[in-house]
Protein backbone atom coordinates (compact mmCIF):
# COMPACT_ATOMS: atom_id res chain seq x y z
CA UNK A 1 -7.37 25.72 -3.83
CA UNK A 2 -4.28 26.51 -5.93
CA UNK A 3 -1.98 25.55 -3.01
CA UNK A 4 -3.61 22.19 -2.52
CA UNK A 5 -3.34 21.36 -6.23
CA UNK A 6 0.38 22.26 -6.30
CA UNK A 7 1.00 20.09 -3.25
CA UNK A 8 -0.95 17.23 -4.75
CA UNK A 9 0.99 17.39 -7.98
CA UNK A 10 4.27 17.42 -6.10
CA UNK A 11 3.34 14.27 -4.19
CA UNK A 12 2.20 12.52 -7.41
CA UNK A 13 5.55 13.38 -9.09
CA UNK A 14 7.46 11.92 -6.10
CA UNK A 15 5.26 8.80 -6.11
CA UNK A 16 6.00 8.19 -9.75
CA UNK A 17 9.79 8.52 -9.51
CA UNK A 18 11.16 5.12 -10.29
CA UNK A 19 14.42 5.88 -8.42
CA UNK A 20 12.82 6.50 -5.05
CA UNK A 21 12.22 3.44 -2.86
CA UNK A 22 8.61 2.66 -1.86
CA UNK A 23 8.30 0.86 1.48
CA UNK A 24 4.90 -0.37 2.72
CA UNK A 25 4.46 -1.88 6.15
CA UNK A 26 1.39 -4.04 6.72
CA UNK A 27 0.88 -4.28 10.49
CA UNK A 28 3.87 -6.12 12.00
CA UNK A 29 3.53 -9.04 9.56
CA UNK A 30 4.77 -7.91 6.09
CA UNK A 31 7.05 -5.42 4.36
CA UNK A 32 6.73 -4.63 0.62
CA UNK A 33 9.72 -2.82 -0.90
CA UNK A 34 9.69 -1.44 -4.47
CA UNK A 35 12.63 0.01 -6.39
CA UNK A 36 15.30 -1.87 -4.36
CA UNK A 37 18.87 -2.46 -5.50
CA UNK A 38 19.36 -5.91 -3.97
CA UNK A 39 19.57 -7.88 -0.71
CA UNK A 40 22.65 -7.28 1.41
CA UNK A 41 21.96 -9.58 4.26
CA UNK A 42 19.37 -12.41 4.70
CA UNK A 43 18.41 -14.42 7.77
CA UNK A 44 15.24 -15.20 9.63
CA UNK A 45 15.88 -12.37 12.10
CA UNK A 46 17.62 -9.62 10.05
CA UNK A 47 17.39 -8.54 6.42
CA UNK A 48 19.23 -5.62 4.96
CA UNK A 49 18.12 -4.29 1.58
CA UNK A 50 19.82 -1.63 -0.64
CA UNK A 51 17.39 1.20 -1.38
CA UNK A 52 18.12 4.57 -3.04
CA UNK A 53 21.71 4.94 -1.91
CA UNK A 54 20.84 3.74 1.61
CA UNK A 55 20.14 0.50 3.39
CA UNK A 56 16.93 -0.60 4.95
CA UNK A 57 17.47 -2.94 7.89
CA UNK A 58 14.47 -5.04 8.86
CA UNK A 59 14.58 -6.88 12.19
CA UNK A 60 12.13 -9.47 13.34
CA UNK A 61 11.39 -13.16 13.92
CA UNK A 62 10.61 -15.95 11.54
CA UNK A 63 11.11 -13.70 8.57
CA UNK A 64 10.91 -15.14 5.05
CA UNK A 65 11.37 -13.71 1.63
CA UNK A 66 8.03 -14.27 -0.14
CA UNK A 67 8.41 -12.30 -3.38
CA UNK A 68 11.65 -11.28 -5.23
CA UNK A 69 11.75 -9.56 -8.59
CA UNK A 70 14.18 -7.05 -10.01
CA UNK A 71 12.12 -4.22 -8.68
CA UNK A 72 10.05 -5.55 -5.82
CA UNK A 73 10.41 -7.77 -2.74
CA UNK A 74 8.13 -8.83 0.03
CA UNK A 75 9.23 -10.04 3.46
CA UNK A 76 6.80 -11.82 5.85
CA UNK A 77 7.15 -12.74 9.41
CA UNK A 78 6.96 -10.80 12.73
CA UNK A 79 8.51 -7.42 11.99
CA UNK A 80 9.99 -5.73 15.04
CA UNK A 81 11.80 -2.68 13.47
CA UNK A 82 12.71 -0.87 10.25
CA UNK A 83 15.77 1.27 10.16
CA UNK A 84 17.18 3.43 7.32
CA UNK A 85 20.96 3.54 7.31
CA UNK A 86 22.79 6.18 5.27
CA UNK A 87 26.38 5.88 4.32
CA UNK A 88 28.69 8.74 5.14
CA UNK A 89 31.40 9.74 2.66
CA UNK A 90 33.95 7.74 4.64
CA UNK A 91 31.80 4.59 4.24
CA UNK A 92 30.59 4.46 7.84
CA UNK A 93 27.02 3.84 8.73
CA UNK A 94 24.85 6.79 9.86
CA UNK A 95 21.59 5.63 11.42
CA UNK A 96 18.55 7.68 10.38
CA UNK A 97 16.37 6.28 13.15
CA UNK A 98 14.76 3.08 14.11
CA UNK A 99 11.00 2.81 13.87
CA UNK A 100 9.42 0.00 15.88
CA UNK A 101 6.70 -1.80 14.09
CA UNK A 102 3.39 -2.96 15.51
CA UNK A 103 3.05 -2.41 19.21
């Protein structure tokens, strides 16, 4: 029981950290991003968002920005992939892996 409680407390601390991005994917139709640092690219097929020292690249079709506040944004449309991109020390992109959405 003690191990479970420690693990649960650790997850709660991570969830409450305002510096970590929170990304929620709802099917292949909507992405909610909390704790973002701004939009880097915007079109109806690609959106790049700065999150926690990385970039989140969202690819899809008919995408639209539905909500934008200082800390939260929501993208709706047909989401095809989410990809975290880390920057190396030389400023080059280092892909952390694409994750297809939906199907």
